[in-house]
C-alpha atoms as a PDB file:
ATOM      1  CA  TYR A   1       0.000   0.000   0.000  1.00  0.00           C
ATOM      2  CA  ALA A   2       2.780   2.387   0.860  1.00  0.00           C
ATOM      3  CA  ASP A   3       4.562   1.617  -2.410  1.00  0.00           C
ATOM      4  CA  ARG A   4       1.351   2.274  -4.371  1.00  0.00           C
ATOM      5  CA  LEU A   5       0.844   5.587  -2.625  1.00  0.00           C
ATOM      6  CA  GLU A   6       4.432   6.604  -3.301  1.00  0.00           C
ATOM      7  CA  ARG A   7       4.074   5.743  -7.005  1.00  0.00           C
ATOM      8  CA  GLU A   8       0.848   7.769  -7.150  1.00  0.00           C
ATOM      9  CA  PHE A   9       2.554  10.629  -5.331  1.00  0.00           C
ATOM     10  CA  ARG A  10       5.449  10.744  -7.805  1.00  0.00           C
ATOM     11  CA  ALA A  11       3.072  10.496 -10.747  1.00  0.00           C
ATOM     12  CA  LEU A  12       1.098  13.512  -9.514  1.00  0.00           C
ATOM     13  CA  MET A  13       4.312  15.454  -9.056  1.00  0.00           C
ATOM     14  CA  SER A  14       5.388  14.587 -12.580  1.00  0.00           C
ATOM     15  CA  ALA A  15       2.037  15.868 -13.815  1.00  0.00           C
ATOM     16  CA  GLN A  16       2.553  19.089 -11.825  1.00  0.00           C
ATOM     17  CA  GLN A  17      -0.596  18.358  -9.839  1.00  0.00           C
ATOM     18  CA  LEU A  18       1.034  19.487  -6.623  1.00  0.00           C
ATOM     19  CA  ARG A  19      -2.110  20.199  -4.628  1.00  0.00           C
ATOM     20  CA  VAL A  20      -3.469  16.749  -5.258  1.00  0.00           C
ATOM     21  CA  ALA A  21      -0.044  15.280  -4.474  1.00  0.00           C
ATOM     22  CA  GLY A  22      -0.181  17.041  -1.136  1.00  0.00           C
ATOM     23  CA  GLY A  23      -3.460  15.282  -0.370  1.00  0.00           C
ATOM     24  CA  VAL A  24      -1.977  11.902  -1.244  1.00  0.00           C
ATOM     25  CA  ARG A  25       1.063  12.673   0.870  1.00  0.00           C
ATOM     26  CA  ALA A  26      -1.194  13.369   3.856  1.00  0.00           C
ATOM     27  CA  LEU A  27      -2.600   9.822   3.694  1.00  0.00           C
ATOM     28  CA  PHE A  28       0.503   8.169   5.091  1.00  0.00           C
ATOM     29  CA  HIS A  29       2.994   9.158   7.732  1.00  0.00           C
ATOM     30  CA  GLN A  30       6.227   8.326   6.002  1.00  0.00           C
ATOM     31  CA  ILE A  31       7.299   8.497   2.364  1.00  0.00           C
ATOM     32  CA  HIS A  32      10.728   7.982   0.935  1.00  0.00           C
ATOM     33  CA  PRO A  33      12.755  11.008   2.164  1.00  0.00           C
ATOM     34  CA  GLN A  34      14.031  11.801  -1.292  1.00  0.00           C
ATOM     35  CA  ALA A  35      10.475  12.003  -2.608  1.00  0.00           C
ATOM     36  CA  VAL A  36       9.570  14.499   0.129  1.00  0.00           C
ATOM     37  CA  LEU A  37      12.604  16.667  -0.694  1.00  0.00           C
ATOM     38  CA  GLU A  38      11.689  16.631  -4.367  1.00  0.00           C
ATOM     39  CA  TYR A  39       8.104  17.522  -3.518  1.00  0.00           C
ATOM     40  CA  ASP A  40       9.158  20.471  -1.330  1.00  0.00           C
ATOM     41  CA  ALA A  41      11.580  21.693  -4.019  1.00  0.00           C
ATOM     42  CA  MET A  42       8.844  21.603  -6.639  1.00  0.00           C
ATOM     43  CA  LEU A  43       6.471  23.485  -4.344  1.00  0.00           C
ATOM     44  CA  PHE A  44       9.106  26.138  -3.743  1.00  0.00           C
ATOM     45  CA  GLN A  45       9.778  26.647  -7.455  1.00  0.00           C
ATOM     46  CA  GLU A  46       6.040  26.836  -8.092  1.00  0.00           C
ATOM     47  CA  ALA A  47       5.688  29.448  -5.336  1.00  0.00           C
ATOM     48  CA  LEU A  48       8.476  31.527  -6.907  1.00  0.00           C
ATOM     49  CA  GLU A  49       6.652  31.488 -10.245  1.00  0.00           C
ATOM     50  CA  TRP A  50       3.456  32.710  -8.646  1.00  0.00           C
ATOM     51  CA  TYR A  51       5.286  35.508  -6.835  1.00  0.00           C
ATOM     52  CA  ARG A  52       6.951  36.455 -10.115  1.00  0.00           C
ATOM     53  CA  ALA A  53       3.476  36.608 -11.666  1.00  0.00           C
ATOM     54  CA  ASN A  54       2.375  38.968  -8.859  1.00  0.00           C
ATOM     55  CA  ARG A  55       0.096  36.340  -7.308  1.00  0.00           C
ATOM     56  CA  PRO A  56       1.409  36.152  -3.726  1.00  0.00           C
ATOM     57  CA  ASP A  57      -1.813  34.498  -2.520  1.00  0.00           C
ATOM     58  CA  VAL A  58      -1.215  31.398  -4.657  1.00  0.00           C
ATOM     59  CA  GLY A  59       2.484  31.500  -3.771  1.00  0.00           C
ATOM     60  CA  GLU A  60       1.633  31.373  -0.082  1.00  0.00           C
ATOM     61  CA  ASP A  61      -0.662  28.407  -0.711  1.00  0.00           C
ATOM     62  CA  MET A  62       2.192  26.556  -2.395  1.00  0.00           C
ATOM     63  CA  LEU A  63       4.545  27.281   0.496  1.00  0.00           C
ATOM     64  CA  ALA A  64       1.935  26.104   3.002  1.00  0.00           C
ATOM     65  CA  LEU A  65       1.984  22.629   1.381  1.00  0.00           C
ATOM     66  CA  ARG A  66       5.679  22.175   2.106  1.00  0.00           C
ATOM     67  CA  SER A  67       6.749  19.767   4.833  1.00  0.00           C
ATOM     68  CA  SER A  68      10.070  21.497   5.698  1.00  0.00           C
ATOM     69  CA  ASN A  69      10.970  24.991   6.788  1.00  0.00           C
ATOM     70  CA  LEU A  70      12.401  27.532   4.403  1.00  0.00           C
ATOM     71  CA  THR A  71      16.170  27.981   4.408  1.00  0.00           C
ATOM     72  CA  MET A  72      17.882  31.362   4.428  1.00  0.00           C
ATOM     73  CA  PRO A  73      18.775  31.216   0.698  1.00  0.00           C
ATOM     74  CA  GLN A  74      15.137  30.411  -0.018  1.00  0.00           C
ATOM     75  CA  HIS A  75      14.024  33.380   2.075  1.00  0.00           C
ATOM     76  CA  LEU A  76      16.377  35.605   0.068  1.00  0.00           C
ATOM     77  CA  SER A  77      14.991  34.235  -3.200  1.00  0.00           C
ATOM     78  CA  LEU A  78      11.444  34.992  -2.049  1.00  0.00           C
ATOM     79  CA  LEU A  79      12.567  38.463  -0.980  1.00  0.00           C
ATOM     80  CA  MET A  80      13.841  39.194  -4.480  1.00  0.00           C
ATOM     81  CA  LYS A  81      10.533  38.010  -5.896  1.00  0.00           C
ATOM     82  CA  GLY A  82       8.595  40.416  -3.661  1.00  0.00           C
ATOM     83  CA  ARG A  83       7.230  38.155  -0.922  1.00  0.00           C
ATOM     84  CA  TYR A  84       8.226  40.688   1.750  1.00  0.00           C
ATOM     85  CA  GLY A  85       7.359  43.731  -0.339  1.00  0.00           C
ATOM     86  CA  SER A  86       9.850  45.810  -2.272  1.00  0.00           C
ATOM     87  CA  PRO A  87      13.431  44.581  -1.657  1.00  0.00           C
ATOM     88  CA  ILE A  88      14.551  48.159  -1.171  1.00  0.00           C
ATOM     89  CA  MET A  89      11.829  48.865   1.387  1.00  0.00           C
ATOM     90  CA  PHE A  90      12.555  45.580   3.108  1.00  0.00           C
ATOM     91  CA  GLY A  91      16.223  46.511   3.314  1.00  0.00           C
ATOM     92  CA  LEU A  92      15.350  49.912   4.743  1.00  0.00           C
ATOM     93  CA  TRP A  93      12.976  48.456   7.321  1.00  0.00           C
ATOM     94  CA  SER A  94      15.577  45.866   8.307  1.00  0.00           C
ATOM     95  CA  LEU A  95      17.892  48.758   9.182  1.00  0.00           C
ATOM     96  CA  VAL A  96      15.439  50.160  11.734  1.00  0.00           C
ATOM     97  CA  PRO A  97      16.556  47.910  14.632  1.00  0.00           C
ATOM     98  CA  LEU A  98      20.191  48.716  13.905  1.00  0.00           C
ATOM     99  CA  LEU A  99      19.450  52.439  13.769  1.00  0.00           C
ATOM    100  CA  LEU A 100      17.553  52.215  17.065  1.00  0.00           C
ATOM    101  CA  VAL A 101      20.510  50.488  18.708  1.00  0.00           C
ATOM    102  CA  LEU A 102      22.895  53.122  17.345  1.00  0.00           C
ATOM    103  CA  TYR A 103      20.588  55.909  18.540  1.00  0.00           C
ATOM    104  CA  VAL A 104      20.374  54.468  22.053  1.00  0.00           C
ATOM    105  CA  PHE A 105      24.146  54.032  22.125  1.00  0.00           C
ATOM    106  CA  ALA A 106      24.701  57.606  20.916  1.00  0.00           C
ATOM    107  CA  ARG A 107      22.242  58.975  23.495  1.00  0.00           C
ATOM    108  CA  LYS A 108      23.995  57.051  26.247  1.00  0.00           C
ATOM    109  CA  ARG A 109      27.382  58.389  25.150  1.00  0.00           C
ATOM    110  CA  GLU A 110      25.998  61.933  25.028  1.00  0.00           C
ATOM    111  CA  GLN A 111      24.484  61.578  28.510  1.00  0.00           C
ATOM    112  CA  GLU A 112      27.790  60.268  29.846  1.00  0.00           C
ATOM    113  CA  ARG A 113      29.632  63.174  28.198  1.00  0.00           C
ATOM    114  CA  GLN A 114      27.191  65.713  29.667  1.00  0.00           C
ATOM    115  CA  LYS A 115      27.476  64.073  33.081  1.00  0.00           C
ATOM    116  CA  HIS A 116      31.262  64.199  32.878  1.00  0.00           C
ATOM    117  CA  THR A 117      31.168  67.839  31.791  1.00  0.00           C
ATOM    118  CA  ALA A 118      28.760  68.701  34.603  1.00  0.00           C
ATOM    119  CA  THR A 119      31.037  66.951  37.097  1.00  0.00           C
ATOM    120  CA  LEU A 120      34.063  68.909  35.908  1.00  0.00           C
ATOM    121  CA  PHE A 121      32.078  72.133  36.018  1.00  0.00           C
ATOM    122  CA  ALA A 122      30.875  71.370  39.545  1.00  0.00           C
ATOM    123  CA  GLU A 123      34.437  70.679  40.655  1.00  0.00           C
ATOM    124  CA  GLU A 124      35.601  73.981  39.171  1.00  0.00           C
ATOM    125  CA  ARG A 125      32.735  75.762  40.890  1.00  0.00           C
ATOM    126  CA  MET A 126      33.697  74.138  44.174  1.00  0.00           C
ATOM    127  CA  GLN A 127      37.270  75.347  43.739  1.00  0.00           C
ATOM    128  CA  ALA A 128      36.010  78.834  42.945  1.00  0.00           C
ATOM    129  CA  ARG A 129      33.306  78.855  45.621  1.00  0.00           C
ATOM    130  CA  VAL A 130      32.654  82.265  47.039  1.00  0.00           C
ATOM    131  CA  GLU A 131      33.225  82.813  50.705  1.00  0.00           C
ATOM    132  CA  HIS A 132      30.649  84.900  52.512  1.00  0.00           C
ATOM    133  CA  ASP A 133      31.601  87.192  55.344  1.00  0.00           C
ATOM    134  CA  GLU A 134      29.196  89.241  57.405  1.00  0.00           C
ATOM    135  CA  VAL A 135      29.969  92.961  57.563  1.00  0.00           C
ATOM    136  CA  PRO A 136      30.079  93.882  61.274  1.00  0.00           C
ATOM    137  CA  HIS A 137      28.461  97.316  61.009  1.00  0.00           C
ATOM    138  CA  THR A 138      25.850  96.745  58.346  1.00  0.00           C
ATOM    139  CA  GLY A 139      25.038  93.019  58.599  1.00  0.00           C
ATOM    140  CA  LEU A 140      25.328  92.769  54.801  1.00  0.00           C
ATOM    141  CA  GLY A 141      26.834  89.685  53.177  1.00  0.00           C
ATOM    142  CA  VAL A 142      29.857  90.396  51.028  1.00  0.00           C
ATOM    143  CA  LYS A 143      31.083  88.051  48.299  1.00  0.00           C
ATOM    144  CA  PHE A 144      34.757  87.560  47.643  1.00  0.00           C
ATOM    145  CA  ASP A 145      35.269  86.152  44.128  1.00  0.00           C
ATOM    146  CA  GLY A 146      38.988  85.475  44.415  1.00  0.00           C
ATOM    147  CA  LEU A 147      39.412  81.979  43.006  1.00  0.00           C
ATOM    148  CA  ARG A 148      40.946  79.366  45.233  1.00  0.00           C
ATOM    149  CA  GLY A 149      44.052  77.848  43.765  1.00  0.00           C
ATOM    150  CA  ARG A 150      44.580  80.892  41.561  1.00  0.00           C
ATOM    151  CA  SER A 151      47.535  83.167  42.158  1.00  0.00           C
ATOM    152  CA  SER A 152      47.306  85.897  39.542  1.00  0.00           C
ATOM    153  CA  PRO A 153      49.510  88.977  40.096  1.00  0.00           C
ATOM    154  CA  GLU A 154      46.405  91.118  40.613  1.00  0.00           C
ATOM    155  CA  LEU A 155      45.046  88.773  43.271  1.00  0.00           C
ATOM    156  CA  ILE A 156      48.382  88.633  45.081  1.00  0.00           C
ATOM    157  CA  GLU A 157      48.600  92.409  45.022  1.00  0.00           C
ATOM    158  CA  TYR A 158      45.015  92.710  46.226  1.00  0.00           C
ATOM    159  CA  ASN A 159      45.611  90.371  49.169  1.00  0.00           C
ATOM    160  CA  GLY A 160      48.765  92.321  50.076  1.00  0.00           C
ATOM    161  CA  LEU A 161      46.897  95.636  50.127  1.00  0.00           C
ATOM    162  CA  MET A 162      44.130  94.095  52.229  1.00  0.00           C
ATOM    163  CA  GLN A 163      46.765  93.000  54.719  1.00  0.00           C
ATOM    164  CA  ASP A 164      48.084  96.587  54.774  1.00  0.00           C
ATOM    165  CA  PHE A 165      44.589  97.656  55.851  1.00  0.00           C
ATOM    166  CA  ASP A 166      44.475  94.819  58.404  1.00  0.00           C
ATOM    167  CA  LEU A 167      41.470  93.322  56.597  1.00  0.00           C
ATOM    168  CA  PRO A 168      40.795  89.722  55.530  1.00  0.00           C
ATOM    169  CA  PRO A 169      40.614  89.018  51.754  1.00  0.00           C
ATOM    170  CA  GLY A 170      36.876  88.398  52.023  1.00  0.00           C
ATOM    171  CA  ALA A 171      36.081  91.762  53.541  1.00  0.00           C
ATOM    172  CA  GLY A 172      33.564  93.856  51.623  1.00  0.00           C
ATOM    173  CA  ILE A 173      33.793  97.351  50.277  1.00  0.00           C
ATOM    174  CA  HIS A 174      32.043  98.768  53.347  1.00  0.00           C
ATOM    175  CA  ASP A 175      34.820  97.433  55.576  1.00  0.00           C
ATOM    176  CA  ILE A 176      37.452  98.848  53.236  1.00  0.00           C
ATOM    177  CA  LYS A 177      35.900 102.311  53.138  1.00  0.00           C
ATOM    178  CA  SER A 178      35.397 102.323  56.880  1.00  0.00           C
ATOM    179  CA  GLU A 179      39.014 101.391  57.536  1.00  0.00           C
ATOM    180  CA  TYR A 180      40.228 103.935  54.969  1.00  0.00           C
ATOM    181  CA  ARG A 181      38.227 106.774  56.521  1.00  0.00           C
ATOM    182  CA  LYS A 182      39.545 105.886  59.941  1.00  0.00           C
ATOM    183  CA  ARG A 183      43.152 105.886  58.762  1.00  0.00           C
ATOM    184  CA  ILE A 184      42.935 108.895  56.493  1.00  0.00           C
ATOM    185  CA  LYS A 185      41.787 111.033  59.400  1.00  0.00           C
ATOM    186  CA  LEU A 186      44.930 110.123  61.306  1.00  0.00           C
ATOM    187  CA  VAL A 187      47.310 111.113  58.508  1.00  0.00           C
ATOM    188  CA  HIS A 188      45.373 114.036  57.052  1.00  0.00           C
ATOM    189  CA  PRO A 189      47.532 117.202  57.081  1.00  0.00           C
ATOM    190  CA  ASP A 190      44.793 119.179  58.845  1.00  0.00           C
ATOM    191  CA  ALA A 191      44.779 116.625  61.665  1.00  0.00           C
ATOM    192  CA  GLN A 192      48.457 117.314  62.449  1.00  0.00           C
ATOM    193  CA  GLY A 193      47.918 120.898  63.580  1.00  0.00           C
ATOM    194  CA  ALA A 194      50.866 122.088  61.498  1.00  0.00           C
ATOM    195  CA  PRO A 195      52.229 121.246  58.047  1.00  0.00           C
ATOM    196  CA  SER A 196      54.251 118.019  58.149  1.00  0.00           C
ATOM    197  CA  PRO A 197      56.030 116.462  55.141  1.00  0.00           C
ATOM    198  CA  ASP A 198      55.739 113.001  56.703  1.00  0.00           C
ATOM    199  CA  ALA A 199      52.014 113.374  57.258  1.00  0.00           C
ATOM    200  CA  SER A 200      51.582 114.534  53.679  1.00  0.00           C
ATOM    201  CA  ASP A 201      53.504 111.529  52.349  1.00  0.00           C
ATOM    202  CA  GLU A 202      51.472 109.108  54.446  1.00  0.00           C
ATOM    203  CA  PHE A 203      48.256 110.742  53.255  1.00  0.00           C
ATOM    204  CA  ILE A 204      49.291 110.414  49.613  1.00  0.00           C
ATOM    205  CA  GLU A 205      50.464 106.812  50.042  1.00  0.00           C
ATOM    206  CA  LEU A 206      47.284 105.769  51.848  1.00  0.00           C
ATOM    207  CA  SER A 207      45.134 107.401  49.185  1.00  0.00           C
ATOM    208  CA  ARG A 208      47.147 105.695  46.462  1.00  0.00           C
ATOM    209  CA  ARG A 209      46.729 102.285  48.095  1.00  0.00           C
ATOM    210  CA  TYR A 210      42.997 102.820  48.528  1.00  0.00           C
ATOM    211  CA  GLU A 211      42.561 103.818  44.876  1.00  0.00           C
ATOM    212  CA  ARG A 212      44.621 100.844  43.755  1.00  0.00           C
ATOM    213  CA  LEU A 213      42.524  98.579  45.951  1.00  0.00           C
ATOM    214  CA  MET A 214      39.310  99.832  44.317  1.00  0.00           C
ATOM    215  CA  GLU A 215      40.887  99.380  40.899  1.00  0.00           C
ATOM    216  CA  LEU A 216      41.897  95.790  41.669  1.00  0.00           C
ATOM    217  CA  ARG A 217      38.382  94.981  42.867  1.00  0.00           C
ATOM    218  CA  LYS A 218      37.058  95.955  39.444  1.00  0.00           C
ATOM    219  CA  ILE A 219      39.760  93.949  37.679  1.00  0.00           C
ATOM    220  CA  LEU A 220      39.074  90.868  39.786  1.00  0.00           C
ATOM    221  CA  GLY A 221      35.323  91.286  39.393  1.00  0.00           C
ATOM    222  CA  LEU A 222      34.685  91.505  43.114  1.00  0.00           C
ATOM    223  CA  LYS A 223      31.115  92.300  43.990  1.00  0.00           C
ATOM    224  CA  ARG A 224      30.041  94.997  46.361  1.00  0.00           C
END
Protein backbone atom coordinates (compact mmCIF):
# COMPACT_ATOMS: atom_id res chain seq x y z
CA TYR A 1 0.00 0.00 0.00
CA ALA A 2 2.78 2.39 0.86
CA ASP A 3 4.56 1.62 -2.41
CA ARG A 4 1.35 2.27 -4.37
CA LEU A 5 0.84 5.59 -2.63
CA GLU A 6 4.43 6.60 -3.30
CA ARG A 7 4.07 5.74 -7.01
CA GLU A 8 0.85 7.77 -7.15
CA PHE A 9 2.55 10.63 -5.33
CA ARG A 10 5.45 10.74 -7.81
CA ALA A 11 3.07 10.50 -10.75
CA LEU A 12 1.10 13.51 -9.51
CA MET A 13 4.31 15.45 -9.06
CA SER A 14 5.39 14.59 -12.58
CA ALA A 15 2.04 15.87 -13.82
CA GLN A 16 2.55 19.09 -11.83
CA GLN A 17 -0.60 18.36 -9.84
CA LEU A 18 1.03 19.49 -6.62
CA ARG A 19 -2.11 20.20 -4.63
CA VAL A 20 -3.47 16.75 -5.26
CA ALA A 21 -0.04 15.28 -4.47
CA GLY A 22 -0.18 17.04 -1.14
CA GLY A 23 -3.46 15.28 -0.37
CA VAL A 24 -1.98 11.90 -1.24
CA ARG A 25 1.06 12.67 0.87
CA ALA A 26 -1.19 13.37 3.86
CA LEU A 27 -2.60 9.82 3.69
CA PHE A 28 0.50 8.17 5.09
CA HIS A 29 2.99 9.16 7.73
CA GLN A 30 6.23 8.33 6.00
CA ILE A 31 7.30 8.50 2.36
CA HIS A 32 10.73 7.98 0.94
CA PRO A 33 12.75 11.01 2.16
CA GLN A 34 14.03 11.80 -1.29
CA ALA A 35 10.48 12.00 -2.61
CA VAL A 36 9.57 14.50 0.13
CA LEU A 37 12.60 16.67 -0.69
CA GLU A 38 11.69 16.63 -4.37
CA TYR A 39 8.10 17.52 -3.52
CA ASP A 40 9.16 20.47 -1.33
CA ALA A 41 11.58 21.69 -4.02
CA MET A 42 8.84 21.60 -6.64
CA LEU A 43 6.47 23.49 -4.34
CA PHE A 44 9.11 26.14 -3.74
CA GLN A 45 9.78 26.65 -7.45
CA GLU A 46 6.04 26.84 -8.09
CA ALA A 47 5.69 29.45 -5.34
CA LEU A 48 8.48 31.53 -6.91
CA GLU A 49 6.65 31.49 -10.24
CA TRP A 50 3.46 32.71 -8.65
CA TYR A 51 5.29 35.51 -6.83
CA ARG A 52 6.95 36.45 -10.11
CA ALA A 53 3.48 36.61 -11.67
CA ASN A 54 2.37 38.97 -8.86
CA ARG A 55 0.10 36.34 -7.31
CA PRO A 56 1.41 36.15 -3.73
CA ASP A 57 -1.81 34.50 -2.52
CA VAL A 58 -1.22 31.40 -4.66
CA GLY A 59 2.48 31.50 -3.77
CA GLU A 60 1.63 31.37 -0.08
CA ASP A 61 -0.66 28.41 -0.71
CA MET A 62 2.19 26.56 -2.40
CA LEU A 63 4.54 27.28 0.50
CA ALA A 64 1.94 26.10 3.00
CA LEU A 65 1.98 22.63 1.38
CA ARG A 66 5.68 22.17 2.11
CA SER A 67 6.75 19.77 4.83
CA SER A 68 10.07 21.50 5.70
CA ASN A 69 10.97 24.99 6.79
CA LEU A 70 12.40 27.53 4.40
CA THR A 71 16.17 27.98 4.41
CA MET A 72 17.88 31.36 4.43
CA PRO A 73 18.78 31.22 0.70
CA GLN A 74 15.14 30.41 -0.02
CA HIS A 75 14.02 33.38 2.07
CA LEU A 76 16.38 35.61 0.07
CA SER A 77 14.99 34.24 -3.20
CA LEU A 78 11.44 34.99 -2.05
CA LEU A 79 12.57 38.46 -0.98
CA MET A 80 13.84 39.19 -4.48
CA LYS A 81 10.53 38.01 -5.90
CA GLY A 82 8.60 40.42 -3.66
CA ARG A 83 7.23 38.15 -0.92
CA TYR A 84 8.23 40.69 1.75
CA GLY A 85 7.36 43.73 -0.34
CA SER A 86 9.85 45.81 -2.27
CA PRO A 87 13.43 44.58 -1.66
CA ILE A 88 14.55 48.16 -1.17
CA MET A 89 11.83 48.87 1.39
CA PHE A 90 12.55 45.58 3.11
CA GLY A 91 16.22 46.51 3.31
CA LEU A 92 15.35 49.91 4.74
CA TRP A 93 12.98 48.46 7.32
CA SER A 94 15.58 45.87 8.31
CA LEU A 95 17.89 48.76 9.18
CA VAL A 96 15.44 50.16 11.73
CA PRO A 97 16.56 47.91 14.63
CA LEU A 98 20.19 48.72 13.91
CA LEU A 99 19.45 52.44 13.77
CA LEU A 100 17.55 52.22 17.06
CA VAL A 101 20.51 50.49 18.71
CA LEU A 102 22.90 53.12 17.35
CA TYR A 103 20.59 55.91 18.54
CA VAL A 104 20.37 54.47 22.05
CA PHE A 105 24.15 54.03 22.13
CA ALA A 106 24.70 57.61 20.92
CA ARG A 107 22.24 58.97 23.50
CA LYS A 108 23.99 57.05 26.25
CA ARG A 109 27.38 58.39 25.15
CA GLU A 110 26.00 61.93 25.03
CA GLN A 111 24.48 61.58 28.51
CA GLU A 112 27.79 60.27 29.85
CA ARG A 113 29.63 63.17 28.20
CA GLN A 114 27.19 65.71 29.67
CA LYS A 115 27.48 64.07 33.08
CA HIS A 116 31.26 64.20 32.88
CA THR A 117 31.17 67.84 31.79
CA ALA A 118 28.76 68.70 34.60
CA THR A 119 31.04 66.95 37.10
CA LEU A 120 34.06 68.91 35.91
CA PHE A 121 32.08 72.13 36.02
CA ALA A 122 30.88 71.37 39.55
CA GLU A 123 34.44 70.68 40.66
CA GLU A 124 35.60 73.98 39.17
CA ARG A 125 32.74 75.76 40.89
CA MET A 126 33.70 74.14 44.17
CA GLN A 127 37.27 75.35 43.74
CA ALA A 128 36.01 78.83 42.95
CA ARG A 129 33.31 78.85 45.62
CA VAL A 130 32.65 82.27 47.04
CA GLU A 131 33.23 82.81 50.70
CA HIS A 132 30.65 84.90 52.51
CA ASP A 133 31.60 87.19 55.34
CA GLU A 134 29.20 89.24 57.40
CA VAL A 135 29.97 92.96 57.56
CA PRO A 136 30.08 93.88 61.27
CA HIS A 137 28.46 97.32 61.01
CA THR A 138 25.85 96.74 58.35
CA GLY A 139 25.04 93.02 58.60
CA LEU A 140 25.33 92.77 54.80
CA GLY A 141 26.83 89.68 53.18
CA VAL A 142 29.86 90.40 51.03
CA LYS A 143 31.08 88.05 48.30
CA PHE A 144 34.76 87.56 47.64
CA ASP A 145 35.27 86.15 44.13
CA GLY A 146 38.99 85.47 44.41
CA LEU A 147 39.41 81.98 43.01
CA ARG A 148 40.95 79.37 45.23
CA GLY A 149 44.05 77.85 43.76
CA ARG A 150 44.58 80.89 41.56
CA SER A 151 47.53 83.17 42.16
CA SER A 152 47.31 85.90 39.54
CA PRO A 153 49.51 88.98 40.10
CA GLU A 154 46.40 91.12 40.61
CA LEU A 155 45.05 88.77 43.27
CA ILE A 156 48.38 88.63 45.08
CA GLU A 157 48.60 92.41 45.02
CA TYR A 158 45.01 92.71 46.23
CA ASN A 159 45.61 90.37 49.17
CA GLY A 160 48.76 92.32 50.08
CA LEU A 161 46.90 95.64 50.13
CA MET A 162 44.13 94.09 52.23
CA GLN A 163 46.76 93.00 54.72
CA ASP A 164 48.08 96.59 54.77
CA PHE A 165 44.59 97.66 55.85
CA ASP A 166 44.48 94.82 58.40
CA LEU A 167 41.47 93.32 56.60
CA PRO A 168 40.79 89.72 55.53
CA PRO A 169 40.61 89.02 51.75
CA GLY A 170 36.88 88.40 52.02
CA ALA A 171 36.08 91.76 53.54
CA GLY A 172 33.56 93.86 51.62
CA ILE A 173 33.79 97.35 50.28
CA HIS A 174 32.04 98.77 53.35
CA ASP A 175 34.82 97.43 55.58
CA ILE A 176 37.45 98.85 53.24
CA LYS A 177 35.90 102.31 53.14
CA SER A 178 35.40 102.32 56.88
CA GLU A 179 39.01 101.39 57.54
CA TYR A 180 40.23 103.94 54.97
CA ARG A 181 38.23 106.77 56.52
CA LYS A 182 39.54 105.89 59.94
CA ARG A 183 43.15 105.89 58.76
CA ILE A 184 42.93 108.89 56.49
CA LYS A 185 41.79 111.03 59.40
CA LEU A 186 44.93 110.12 61.31
CA VAL A 187 47.31 111.11 58.51
CA HIS A 188 45.37 114.04 57.05
CA PRO A 189 47.53 117.20 57.08
CA ASP A 190 44.79 119.18 58.85
CA ALA A 191 44.78 116.62 61.67
CA GLN A 192 48.46 117.31 62.45
CA GLY A 193 47.92 120.90 63.58
CA ALA A 194 50.87 122.09 61.50
CA PRO A 195 52.23 121.25 58.05
CA SER A 196 54.25 118.02 58.15
CA PRO A 197 56.03 116.46 55.14
CA ASP A 198 55.74 113.00 56.70
CA ALA A 199 52.01 113.37 57.26
CA SER A 200 51.58 114.53 53.68
CA ASP A 201 53.50 111.53 52.35
CA GLU A 202 51.47 109.11 54.45
CA PHE A 203 48.26 110.74 53.25
CA ILE A 204 49.29 110.41 49.61
CA GLU A 205 50.46 106.81 50.04
CA LEU A 206 47.28 105.77 51.85
CA SER A 207 45.13 107.40 49.18
CA ARG A 208 47.15 105.69 46.46
CA ARG A 209 46.73 102.28 48.10
CA TYR A 210 43.00 102.82 48.53
CA GLU A 211 42.56 103.82 44.88
CA ARG A 212 44.62 100.84 43.76
CA LEU A 213 42.52 98.58 45.95
CA MET A 214 39.31 99.83 44.32
CA GLU A 215 40.89 99.38 40.90
CA LEU A 216 41.90 95.79 41.67
CA ARG A 217 38.38 94.98 42.87
CA LYS A 218 37.06 95.95 39.44
CA ILE A 219 39.76 93.95 37.68
CA LEU A 220 39.07 90.87 39.79
CA GLY A 221 35.32 91.29 39.39
CA LEU A 222 34.69 91.51 43.11
CA LYS A 223 31.11 92.30 43.99
CA ARG A 224 30.04 95.00 46.36
